[in-house]
C-alpha atoms as a PDB file:
ATOM      1  CA  MET A   1     -78.375-204.030 -19.907  1.00  0.00           C
ATOM      2  CA  LYS A   2     -81.665-202.176 -20.449  1.00  0.00           C
ATOM      3  CA  LYS A   3     -83.284-204.023 -17.545  1.00  0.00           C
ATOM      4  CA  PHE A   4     -80.359-203.174 -15.278  1.00  0.00           C
ATOM      5  CA  MET A   5     -80.617-199.448 -16.091  1.00  0.00           C
ATOM      6  CA  THR A   6     -84.385-199.514 -15.519  1.00  0.00           C
ATOM      7  CA  VAL A   7     -83.982-201.195 -12.124  1.00  0.00           C
ATOM      8  CA  LEU A   8     -81.205-198.767 -11.205  1.00  0.00           C
ATOM      9  CA  SER A   9     -83.376-195.789 -12.184  1.00  0.00           C
ATOM     10  CA  VAL A  10     -86.316-197.066 -10.129  1.00  0.00           C
ATOM     11  CA  LEU A  11     -84.065-197.565  -7.096  1.00  0.00           C
ATOM     12  CA  ALA A  12     -82.588-194.083  -7.468  1.00  0.00           C
ATOM     13  CA  ILE A  13     -86.051-192.486  -7.633  1.00  0.00           C
ATOM     14  CA  ALA A  14     -87.279-194.489  -4.629  1.00  0.00           C
ATOM     15  CA  THR A  15     -84.227-193.391  -2.621  1.00  0.00           C
ATOM     16  CA  LEU A  16     -84.721-189.739  -3.526  1.00  0.00           C
ATOM     17  CA  VAL A  17     -88.374-189.906  -2.432  1.00  0.00           C
ATOM     18  CA  ALA A  18     -87.618-191.687   0.864  1.00  0.00           C
ATOM     19  CA  LEU A  19     -84.718-189.487   2.049  1.00  0.00           C
ATOM     20  CA  PRO A  20     -86.679-186.228   2.536  1.00  0.00           C
ATOM     21  CA  ALA A  21     -89.387-188.104   4.455  1.00  0.00           C
ATOM     22  CA  ARG A  22     -86.771-189.501   6.860  1.00  0.00           C
ATOM     23  CA  ALA A  23     -85.142-186.076   7.277  1.00  0.00           C
ATOM     24  CA  GLU A  24     -88.485-184.489   8.203  1.00  0.00           C
ATOM     25  CA  LYS A  25     -89.076-187.075  10.925  1.00  0.00           C
ATOM     26  CA  LYS A  26     -85.691-186.351  12.478  1.00  0.00           C
ATOM     27  CA  GLU A  27     -86.199-182.557  12.315  1.00  0.00           C
ATOM     28  CA  LYS A  28     -89.472-182.536  14.265  1.00  0.00           C
ATOM     29  CA  ALA A  29     -88.615-181.494  17.779  1.00  0.00           C
ATOM     30  CA  LYS A  30     -90.294-183.072  20.770  1.00  0.00           C
ATOM     31  CA  ASN A  31     -92.630-180.729  22.662  1.00  0.00           C
ATOM     32  CA  GLN A  32     -91.615-180.332  26.284  1.00  0.00           C
ATOM     33  CA  GLU A  33     -93.037-178.517  29.319  1.00  0.00           C
ATOM     34  CA  MET A  34     -91.663-176.832  32.409  1.00  0.00           C
ATOM     35  CA  THR A  35     -93.507-175.113  35.243  1.00  0.00           C
ATOM     36  CA  GLY A  36     -91.774-172.735  37.614  1.00  0.00           C
ATOM     37  CA  THR A  37     -91.216-169.173  38.754  1.00  0.00           C
ATOM     38  CA  VAL A  38     -89.875-166.441  36.478  1.00  0.00           C
ATOM     39  CA  SER A  39     -86.477-165.420  37.885  1.00  0.00           C
ATOM     40  CA  ALA A  40     -85.431-163.110  35.037  1.00  0.00           C
ATOM     41  CA  ILE A  41     -86.974-161.622  31.923  1.00  0.00           C
ATOM     42  CA  ASP A  42     -85.571-159.523  29.091  1.00  0.00           C
ATOM     43  CA  ALA A  43     -88.361-158.551  26.691  1.00  0.00           C
ATOM     44  CA  ALA A  44     -85.918-156.662  24.444  1.00  0.00           C
ATOM     45  CA  LYS A  45     -83.768-159.779  23.929  1.00  0.00           C
ATOM     46  CA  GLY A  46     -86.795-162.102  23.961  1.00  0.00           C
ATOM     47  CA  THR A  47     -85.621-164.291  26.817  1.00  0.00           C
ATOM     48  CA  VAL A  48     -87.208-165.508  30.028  1.00  0.00           C
ATOM     49  CA  VAL A  49     -85.608-167.617  32.762  1.00  0.00           C
ATOM     50  CA  VAL A  50     -87.871-170.009  34.681  1.00  0.00           C
ATOM     51  CA  GLU A  51     -86.752-171.866  37.813  1.00  0.00           C
ATOM     52  CA  ASN A  52     -88.186-174.865  39.625  1.00  0.00           C
ATOM     53  CA  LYS A  53     -86.868-177.572  41.981  1.00  0.00           C
ATOM     54  CA  LYS A  54     -84.905-179.165  39.136  1.00  0.00           C
ATOM     55  CA  GLY A  55     -83.049-175.948  38.233  1.00  0.00           C
ATOM     56  CA  ALA A  56     -83.288-172.951  35.914  1.00  0.00           C
ATOM     57  CA  LYS A  57     -83.795-172.874  32.158  1.00  0.00           C
ATOM     58  CA  THR A  58     -83.509-169.941  29.762  1.00  0.00           C
ATOM     59  CA  PHE A  59     -86.134-169.792  27.032  1.00  0.00           C
ATOM     60  CA  THR A  60     -85.906-167.859  23.800  1.00  0.00           C
ATOM     61  CA  CYS A  61     -89.143-166.255  22.639  1.00  0.00           C
ATOM     62  CA  ASN A  62     -89.988-165.133  19.118  1.00  0.00           C
ATOM     63  CA  ALA A  63     -92.928-163.657  17.199  1.00  0.00           C
ATOM     64  CA  ASP A  64     -94.686-167.043  17.262  1.00  0.00           C
ATOM     65  CA  THR A  65     -94.501-167.402  21.074  1.00  0.00           C
ATOM     66  CA  LYS A  66     -97.947-167.091  22.656  1.00  0.00           C
ATOM     67  CA  VAL A  67     -98.298-165.433  26.084  1.00  0.00           C
ATOM     68  CA  ASP A  68    -101.439-166.524  27.966  1.00  0.00           C
ATOM     69  CA  LEU A  69    -102.044-164.469  31.101  1.00  0.00           C
ATOM     70  CA  GLY A  70    -105.506-165.854  31.768  1.00  0.00           C
ATOM     71  CA  ARG A  71    -107.303-163.015  30.005  1.00  0.00           C
ATOM     72  CA  LYS A  72    -109.409-163.047  26.861  1.00  0.00           C
ATOM     73  CA  GLU A  73    -106.644-161.623  24.673  1.00  0.00           C
ATOM     74  CA  LEU A  74    -103.061-162.853  24.486  1.00  0.00           C
ATOM     75  CA  GLY A  75    -100.437-160.871  26.347  1.00  0.00           C
ATOM     76  CA  LYS A  76     -96.917-159.778  25.481  1.00  0.00           C
ATOM     77  CA  LEU A  77     -93.593-160.898  26.855  1.00  0.00           C
ATOM     78  CA  ALA A  78     -93.271-157.493  28.539  1.00  0.00           C
ATOM     79  CA  ASP A  79     -96.429-158.276  30.573  1.00  0.00           C
ATOM     80  CA  ILE A  80     -94.621-161.070  32.441  1.00  0.00           C
ATOM     81  CA  LYS A  81     -92.993-160.035  35.700  1.00  0.00           C
ATOM     82  CA  GLN A  82     -90.283-161.564  37.841  1.00  0.00           C
ATOM     83  CA  GLY A  83     -91.914-163.862  40.397  1.00  0.00           C
ATOM     84  CA  ASP A  84     -94.825-164.898  38.130  1.00  0.00           C
ATOM     85  CA  LYS A  85     -95.546-168.629  38.044  1.00  0.00           C
ATOM     86  CA  MET A  86     -95.493-169.829  34.446  1.00  0.00           C
ATOM     87  CA  LYS A  87     -95.966-173.043  32.498  1.00  0.00           C
ATOM     88  CA  VAL A  88     -93.722-173.078  29.436  1.00  0.00           C
ATOM     89  CA  LYS A  89     -94.322-175.293  26.405  1.00  0.00           C
ATOM     90  CA  TYR A  90     -91.133-175.417  24.373  1.00  0.00           C
ATOM     91  CA  VAL A  91     -89.044-177.299  21.847  1.00  0.00           C
ATOM     92  CA  MET A  92     -85.294-177.775  21.764  1.00  0.00           C
ATOM     93  CA  LYS A  93     -83.633-176.462  18.617  1.00  0.00           C
ATOM     94  CA  GLY A  94     -80.063-177.524  18.983  1.00  0.00           C
ATOM     95  CA  GLU A  95     -78.994-176.247  22.409  1.00  0.00           C
ATOM     96  CA  THR A  96     -81.691-173.533  22.490  1.00  0.00           C
ATOM     97  CA  ALA A  97     -85.026-173.935  24.295  1.00  0.00           C
ATOM     98  CA  VAL A  98     -87.568-172.075  22.148  1.00  0.00           C
ATOM     99  CA  ALA A  99     -90.799-171.187  23.949  1.00  0.00           C
ATOM    100  CA  GLU A 100     -93.969-171.872  21.969  1.00  0.00           C
ATOM    101  CA  LYS A 101     -96.390-170.865  24.745  1.00  0.00           C
ATOM    102  CA  LEU A 102     -96.031-169.200  28.142  1.00  0.00           C
ATOM    103  CA  SER A 103     -99.083-169.645  30.382  1.00  0.00           C
ATOM    104  CA  MET A 104     -99.735-168.006  33.724  1.00  0.00           C
ATOM    105  CA  VAL A 105    -100.244-170.634  36.423  1.00  0.00           C
ATOM    106  CA  ASN A 106    -102.996-169.916  38.917  1.00  0.00           C
ATOM    107  CA  ALA A 107    -101.406-168.030  41.766  1.00  0.00           C
ATOM    108  CA  GLU A 108    -102.378-168.304  45.417  1.00  0.00           C
ATOM    109  CA  GLY A 109    -105.082-165.966  46.646  1.00  0.00           C
ATOM    110  CA  PRO A 110    -107.647-163.707  45.037  1.00  0.00           C
ATOM    111  CA  GLY A 111    -106.654-160.869  42.774  1.00  0.00           C
ATOM    112  CA  LYS A 112    -103.613-162.556  41.243  1.00  0.00           C
ATOM    113  CA  LYS A 113    -103.374-162.720  37.474  1.00  0.00           C
ATOM    114  CA  GLY A 114    -105.155-165.715  36.024  1.00  0.00           C
ATOM    115  CA  THR A 115    -107.047-166.558  39.222  1.00  0.00           C
ATOM    116  CA  PRO A 116    -110.678-165.617  39.703  1.00  0.00           C
ATOM    117  CA  ALA A 117    -111.553-164.394  43.182  1.00  0.00           C
ATOM    118  CA  PRO A 118    -113.428-167.030  45.171  1.00  0.00           C
ATOM    119  CA  THR A 119    -117.119-166.454  45.736  1.00  0.00           C
ATOM    120  CA  ALA A 120    -118.659-166.748  49.176  1.00  0.00           C
ATOM    121  CA  PRO A 121    -121.325-169.394  49.628  1.00  0.00           C
ATOM    122  CA  ALA A 122    -124.855-168.055  49.803  1.00  0.00           C
ATOM    123  CA  ALA A 123    -126.132-167.362  53.312  1.00  0.00           C
ATOM    124  CA  PRO A 124    -129.036-169.509  54.434  1.00  0.00           C
ATOM    125  CA  ALA A 125    -132.410-167.805  54.227  1.00  0.00           C
ATOM    126  CA  ALA A 126    -133.877-166.447  57.448  1.00  0.00           C
ATOM    127  CA  PRO A 127    -137.027-168.164  58.689  1.00  0.00           C
ATOM    128  CA  ALA A 128    -140.228-166.440  57.668  1.00  0.00           C
ATOM    129  CA  ALA A 129    -141.930-164.256  60.272  1.00  0.00           C
ATOM    130  CA  PRO A 130    -145.304-165.495  61.533  1.00  0.00           C
ATOM    131  CA  ALA A 131    -148.275-163.909  59.800  1.00  0.00           C
ATOM    132  CA  ALA A 132    -150.076-161.108  61.672  1.00  0.00           C
ATOM    133  CA  ARG A 133    -153.629-161.929  62.941  1.00  0.00           C
END
């Protein structure tokens, strides 16, 4: 009877140790990405809607969401404007898409946020003038 209780105790402890490890694996959300154009933004509510060919998705932003506008310092959700091209890294928490990082995608043409202006190629050097005699 003593051996049975010992075996039962060992099994119970092993089960208690293994269950939390399995629960943690299930809770980790898969990182996902979407690139598209911002069609709506509400900085007060912390939401941004991004559209692409596949459709539109609403993302919830929180204090941990990073906003990368291609500058040295991170931006704020309020810095994003409708029409900006963004890459969103997010995780699904239930039915909610929670944005972890919003990154400005290089826009077309010079002067757009996140895009350095192109530099002109150097002009060829003029031939040297003949020396005076």
